[in-house]
Amino acid sequence: MRWIFEVGDDTELAQSGAAKVLPAHLNATARADLADAGWILWVDADLMVVNHAADIRTFLRSDKDMVLGEDMADLDWLNTGLVACRTSSSWARRMWARVWR
């Protein structure tokens, strides 16, 4: 997500291990296409989908900038295995900038 939401030059990001791998797969054109998509979805490899017929777009509400998964355990905890962010959201950009700093 950082490659989509990061604003401006980020020396730490440019020198990271991801910088050696991602540019080959996520060039400027691909980043622009993702930003134009409206939403970007982070899904962990061990995410469990219980209803394959459900359309993910039904969960992406027009009045929200971020949608988070819910943990299925008895506890009512946040599950970061599923995170959807509106790509045009200035709030999401500021929030991710604070997380990465």
N, C-alpha and C. Protein backbone atom coordinates (compact mmCIF):
# COMPACT_ATOMS: atom_id res chain seq x y z
N MET A 1 0.82 -1.20 0.00
CA MET A 1 0.00 0.00 0.00
C MET A 1 0.86 1.25 0.00
N ARG A 2 2.01 1.15 0.61
CA ARG A 2 2.85 2.35 0.72
C ARG A 2 3.25 2.87 -0.65
N TRP A 3 3.44 1.99 -1.61
CA TRP A 3 3.83 2.41 -2.96
C TRP A 3 2.72 3.18 -3.65
N ILE A 4 1.49 3.02 -3.21
CA ILE A 4 0.37 3.74 -3.80
C ILE A 4 0.12 5.04 -3.05
N PHE A 5 0.14 4.98 -1.71
CA PHE A 5 -0.26 6.12 -0.90
C PHE A 5 0.85 7.09 -0.55
N GLU A 6 2.10 6.66 -0.61
CA GLU A 6 3.20 7.54 -0.21
C GLU A 6 3.25 8.76 -1.12
N VAL A 7 3.30 9.90 -0.49
CA VAL A 7 3.34 11.16 -1.24
C VAL A 7 4.77 11.69 -1.22
N GLY A 8 5.29 12.06 -2.39
CA GLY A 8 6.62 12.66 -2.46
C GLY A 8 7.72 11.62 -2.40
N ASP A 9 8.95 12.11 -2.36
CA ASP A 9 10.11 11.22 -2.30
C ASP A 9 10.31 10.74 -0.88
N ASP A 10 10.58 9.48 -0.73
CA ASP A 10 10.81 8.88 0.57
C ASP A 10 12.11 8.10 0.49
N THR A 11 13.17 8.62 1.10
CA THR A 11 14.48 8.00 1.02
C THR A 11 14.47 6.60 1.61
N GLU A 12 13.81 6.45 2.76
CA GLU A 12 13.75 5.13 3.41
C GLU A 12 13.07 4.11 2.49
N LEU A 13 11.97 4.52 1.87
CA LEU A 13 11.26 3.63 0.95
C LEU A 13 12.13 3.29 -0.25
N ALA A 14 12.82 4.28 -0.78
CA ALA A 14 13.67 4.07 -1.96
C ALA A 14 14.83 3.12 -1.67
N GLN A 15 15.28 3.06 -0.41
CA GLN A 15 16.41 2.21 -0.04
C GLN A 15 15.97 0.87 0.55
N SER A 16 14.68 0.62 0.63
CA SER A 16 14.17 -0.60 1.26
C SER A 16 14.33 -1.80 0.34
N GLY A 17 14.17 -2.99 0.92
CA GLY A 17 14.20 -4.21 0.13
C GLY A 17 13.09 -4.24 -0.89
N ALA A 18 11.94 -3.67 -0.54
CA ALA A 18 10.81 -3.63 -1.47
C ALA A 18 11.16 -2.84 -2.71
N ALA A 19 12.01 -1.82 -2.55
CA ALA A 19 12.39 -0.98 -3.69
C ALA A 19 13.18 -1.77 -4.73
N LYS A 20 13.81 -2.85 -4.30
CA LYS A 20 14.57 -3.67 -5.24
C LYS A 20 13.65 -4.62 -6.02
N VAL A 21 12.50 -4.95 -5.45
CA VAL A 21 11.60 -5.93 -6.06
C VAL A 21 10.43 -5.27 -6.76
N LEU A 22 9.78 -4.33 -6.10
CA LEU A 22 8.53 -3.77 -6.60
C LEU A 22 8.62 -2.98 -7.90
N PRO A 23 9.66 -2.18 -8.14
CA PRO A 23 9.67 -1.39 -9.38
C PRO A 23 9.51 -2.24 -10.64
N ALA A 24 10.02 -3.45 -10.62
CA ALA A 24 9.87 -4.31 -11.79
C ALA A 24 8.42 -4.71 -12.01
N HIS A 25 7.65 -4.73 -10.95
CA HIS A 25 6.26 -5.16 -11.03
C HIS A 25 5.28 -4.00 -10.91
N LEU A 26 5.72 -2.93 -10.29
CA LEU A 26 4.83 -1.81 -10.00
C LEU A 26 5.47 -0.51 -10.45
N ASN A 27 5.53 -0.32 -11.76
CA ASN A 27 6.13 0.90 -12.31
C ASN A 27 5.16 2.07 -12.18
N ALA A 28 5.56 3.22 -12.65
CA ALA A 28 4.73 4.43 -12.51
C ALA A 28 3.37 4.27 -13.16
N THR A 29 3.31 3.60 -14.29
CA THR A 29 2.03 3.40 -14.98
C THR A 29 1.12 2.51 -14.15
N ALA A 30 1.67 1.42 -13.61
CA ALA A 30 0.88 0.52 -12.79
C ALA A 30 0.40 1.22 -11.53
N ARG A 31 1.25 2.05 -10.93
CA ARG A 31 0.85 2.80 -9.74
C ARG A 31 -0.29 3.74 -10.07
N ALA A 32 -0.22 4.41 -11.21
CA ALA A 32 -1.29 5.32 -11.62
C ALA A 32 -2.58 4.55 -11.87
N ASP A 33 -2.48 3.38 -12.49
CA ASP A 33 -3.67 2.55 -12.73
C ASP A 33 -4.31 2.12 -11.41
N LEU A 34 -3.48 1.73 -10.44
CA LEU A 34 -4.02 1.34 -9.13
C LEU A 34 -4.68 2.52 -8.44
N ALA A 35 -4.06 3.68 -8.52
CA ALA A 35 -4.64 4.87 -7.90
C ALA A 35 -5.98 5.23 -8.53
N ASP A 36 -6.12 4.99 -9.83
CA ASP A 36 -7.37 5.27 -10.53
C ASP A 36 -8.44 4.21 -10.27
N ALA A 37 -8.07 3.10 -9.67
CA ALA A 37 -9.01 2.00 -9.47
C ALA A 37 -10.11 2.34 -8.47
N GLY A 38 -9.87 3.31 -7.61
CA GLY A 38 -10.87 3.69 -6.62
C GLY A 38 -10.58 3.10 -5.25
N TRP A 39 -10.28 1.82 -5.20
CA TRP A 39 -9.95 1.15 -3.94
C TRP A 39 -8.74 0.26 -4.16
N ILE A 40 -7.93 0.11 -3.10
CA ILE A 40 -6.86 -0.87 -3.12
C ILE A 40 -7.12 -1.81 -1.95
N LEU A 41 -6.93 -3.08 -2.17
CA LEU A 41 -7.28 -4.11 -1.20
C LEU A 41 -6.03 -4.88 -0.80
N TRP A 42 -5.77 -4.92 0.51
CA TRP A 42 -4.68 -5.73 1.05
C TRP A 42 -5.31 -7.00 1.60
N VAL A 43 -4.83 -8.15 1.16
CA VAL A 43 -5.35 -9.44 1.63
C VAL A 43 -4.16 -10.31 2.01
N ASP A 44 -4.13 -10.76 3.27
CA ASP A 44 -3.08 -11.68 3.71
C ASP A 44 -3.25 -13.03 3.03
N ALA A 45 -2.16 -13.77 2.93
CA ALA A 45 -2.19 -15.08 2.28
C ALA A 45 -3.05 -16.09 3.04
N ASP A 46 -3.22 -15.89 4.34
CA ASP A 46 -4.00 -16.86 5.12
C ASP A 46 -5.42 -16.38 5.41
N LEU A 47 -5.90 -15.42 4.64
CA LEU A 47 -7.27 -14.95 4.79
C LEU A 47 -8.24 -16.08 4.47
N MET A 48 -9.25 -16.25 5.33
CA MET A 48 -10.26 -17.28 5.10
C MET A 48 -11.52 -16.62 4.54
N VAL A 49 -11.90 -17.01 3.35
CA VAL A 49 -13.13 -16.51 2.72
C VAL A 49 -14.21 -17.55 2.96
N VAL A 50 -15.30 -17.14 3.61
CA VAL A 50 -16.36 -18.10 3.93
C VAL A 50 -17.52 -18.06 2.94
N ASN A 51 -17.59 -17.02 2.13
CA ASN A 51 -18.65 -16.93 1.13
C ASN A 51 -18.05 -16.44 -0.18
N HIS A 52 -17.72 -17.36 -1.05
CA HIS A 52 -17.08 -17.02 -2.32
C HIS A 52 -18.03 -16.35 -3.30
N ALA A 53 -19.32 -16.41 -3.03
CA ALA A 53 -20.30 -15.79 -3.93
C ALA A 53 -20.48 -14.31 -3.63
N ALA A 54 -20.04 -13.87 -2.46
CA ALA A 54 -20.20 -12.46 -2.07
C ALA A 54 -19.27 -11.57 -2.90
N ASP A 55 -19.78 -10.46 -3.35
CA ASP A 55 -19.01 -9.48 -4.11
C ASP A 55 -18.37 -8.51 -3.13
N ILE A 56 -17.06 -8.38 -3.14
CA ILE A 56 -16.35 -7.52 -2.20
C ILE A 56 -16.85 -6.08 -2.27
N ARG A 57 -17.33 -5.67 -3.43
CA ARG A 57 -17.79 -4.29 -3.59
C ARG A 57 -18.99 -3.97 -2.71
N THR A 58 -19.72 -4.98 -2.26
CA THR A 58 -20.87 -4.72 -1.38
C THR A 58 -20.41 -4.23 -0.01
N PHE A 59 -19.16 -4.46 0.34
CA PHE A 59 -18.63 -4.03 1.63
C PHE A 59 -17.93 -2.67 1.55
N LEU A 60 -17.70 -2.18 0.36
CA LEU A 60 -16.98 -0.91 0.17
C LEU A 60 -17.99 0.22 0.10
N ARG A 61 -18.29 0.80 1.24
CA ARG A 61 -19.33 1.82 1.34
C ARG A 61 -18.84 3.16 0.82
N SER A 62 -19.75 3.89 0.22
CA SER A 62 -19.40 5.19 -0.37
C SER A 62 -19.07 6.24 0.68
N ASP A 63 -19.52 6.04 1.93
CA ASP A 63 -19.26 7.03 2.98
C ASP A 63 -18.04 6.68 3.84
N LYS A 64 -17.27 5.67 3.44
CA LYS A 64 -16.09 5.25 4.20
C LYS A 64 -14.84 5.33 3.33
N ASP A 65 -13.71 5.62 3.97
CA ASP A 65 -12.43 5.67 3.28
C ASP A 65 -11.61 4.41 3.51
N MET A 66 -11.98 3.63 4.55
CA MET A 66 -11.25 2.41 4.88
C MET A 66 -12.23 1.37 5.41
N VAL A 67 -12.00 0.14 5.02
CA VAL A 67 -12.79 -0.98 5.51
C VAL A 67 -11.81 -2.02 6.03
N LEU A 68 -12.04 -2.50 7.26
CA LEU A 68 -11.16 -3.49 7.88
C LEU A 68 -11.91 -4.78 8.10
N GLY A 69 -11.19 -5.90 8.04
CA GLY A 69 -11.79 -7.19 8.31
C GLY A 69 -12.06 -7.36 9.79
N GLU A 70 -12.94 -8.28 10.11
CA GLU A 70 -13.26 -8.58 11.50
C GLU A 70 -12.72 -9.96 11.83
N ASP A 71 -12.12 -10.09 13.01
CA ASP A 71 -11.60 -11.37 13.45
C ASP A 71 -12.77 -12.28 13.78
N MET A 72 -12.69 -13.54 13.39
CA MET A 72 -13.79 -14.46 13.63
C MET A 72 -13.69 -15.15 14.98
N ALA A 73 -12.68 -14.84 15.76
CA ALA A 73 -12.56 -15.43 17.10
C ALA A 73 -13.63 -14.84 18.00
N ASP A 74 -13.73 -15.37 19.21
CA ASP A 74 -14.72 -14.87 20.17
C ASP A 74 -14.45 -13.42 20.56
N LEU A 75 -13.22 -13.00 20.41
CA LEU A 75 -12.87 -11.62 20.74
C LEU A 75 -13.28 -10.72 19.58
N ASP A 76 -13.60 -9.50 19.88
CA ASP A 76 -14.03 -8.56 18.84
C ASP A 76 -12.84 -7.69 18.43
N TRP A 77 -11.80 -8.33 17.92
CA TRP A 77 -10.57 -7.64 17.58
C TRP A 77 -10.54 -7.30 16.11
N LEU A 78 -9.69 -6.35 15.81
CA LEU A 78 -9.43 -5.95 14.43
C LEU A 78 -8.61 -7.03 13.73
N ASN A 79 -8.92 -7.30 12.49
CA ASN A 79 -8.16 -8.26 11.70
C ASN A 79 -7.53 -7.50 10.54
N THR A 80 -6.22 -7.36 10.58
CA THR A 80 -5.54 -6.61 9.52
C THR A 80 -5.22 -7.48 8.30
N GLY A 81 -5.77 -8.69 8.26
CA GLY A 81 -5.60 -9.55 7.10
C GLY A 81 -6.41 -9.10 5.90
N LEU A 82 -7.34 -8.19 6.13
CA LEU A 82 -8.14 -7.61 5.06
C LEU A 82 -8.28 -6.12 5.34
N VAL A 83 -7.71 -5.31 4.47
CA VAL A 83 -7.80 -3.85 4.59
C VAL A 83 -8.08 -3.30 3.20
N ALA A 84 -9.14 -2.52 3.09
CA ALA A 84 -9.45 -1.85 1.83
C ALA A 84 -9.38 -0.35 2.06
N CYS A 85 -8.70 0.37 1.18
CA CYS A 85 -8.58 1.83 1.31
C CYS A 85 -8.99 2.49 0.01
N ARG A 86 -9.74 3.57 0.15
CA ARG A 86 -10.11 4.37 -1.02
C ARG A 86 -8.86 5.11 -1.48
N THR A 87 -8.49 4.97 -2.74
CA THR A 87 -7.23 5.54 -3.23
C THR A 87 -7.28 7.06 -3.34
N SER A 88 -8.46 7.63 -3.43
CA SER A 88 -8.57 9.09 -3.55
C SER A 88 -8.70 9.79 -2.20
N SER A 89 -8.63 9.03 -1.12
CA SER A 89 -8.87 9.58 0.21
C SER A 89 -7.66 10.31 0.77
N SER A 90 -7.81 11.60 1.02
CA SER A 90 -6.72 12.35 1.66
C SER A 90 -6.57 11.89 3.10
N TRP A 91 -7.68 11.48 3.74
CA TRP A 91 -7.61 10.96 5.10
C TRP A 91 -6.73 9.70 5.14
N ALA A 92 -6.95 8.76 4.20
CA ALA A 92 -6.17 7.53 4.17
C ALA A 92 -4.69 7.83 3.91
N ARG A 93 -4.41 8.77 3.03
CA ARG A 93 -3.01 9.15 2.76
C ARG A 93 -2.34 9.69 4.02
N ARG A 94 -3.04 10.55 4.76
CA ARG A 94 -2.47 11.09 6.00
C ARG A 94 -2.30 10.00 7.05
N MET A 95 -3.29 9.12 7.17
CA MET A 95 -3.23 8.04 8.16
C MET A 95 -2.05 7.12 7.86
N TRP A 96 -1.88 6.69 6.61
CA TRP A 96 -0.76 5.82 6.26
C TRP A 96 0.57 6.54 6.43
N ALA A 97 0.64 7.82 6.13
CA ALA A 97 1.88 8.58 6.34
C ALA A 97 2.27 8.57 7.81
N ARG A 98 1.29 8.70 8.71
CA ARG A 98 1.58 8.65 10.15
C ARG A 98 2.04 7.25 10.56
N VAL A 99 1.43 6.22 10.00
CA VAL A 99 1.83 4.84 10.32
C VAL A 99 3.27 4.59 9.90
N TRP A 100 3.65 5.04 8.71
CA TRP A 100 4.97 4.75 8.17
C TRP A 100 6.07 5.60 8.78
N ARG A 101 5.73 6.65 9.50
CA ARG A 101 6.75 7.50 10.12
C ARG A 101 7.02 7.01 11.48
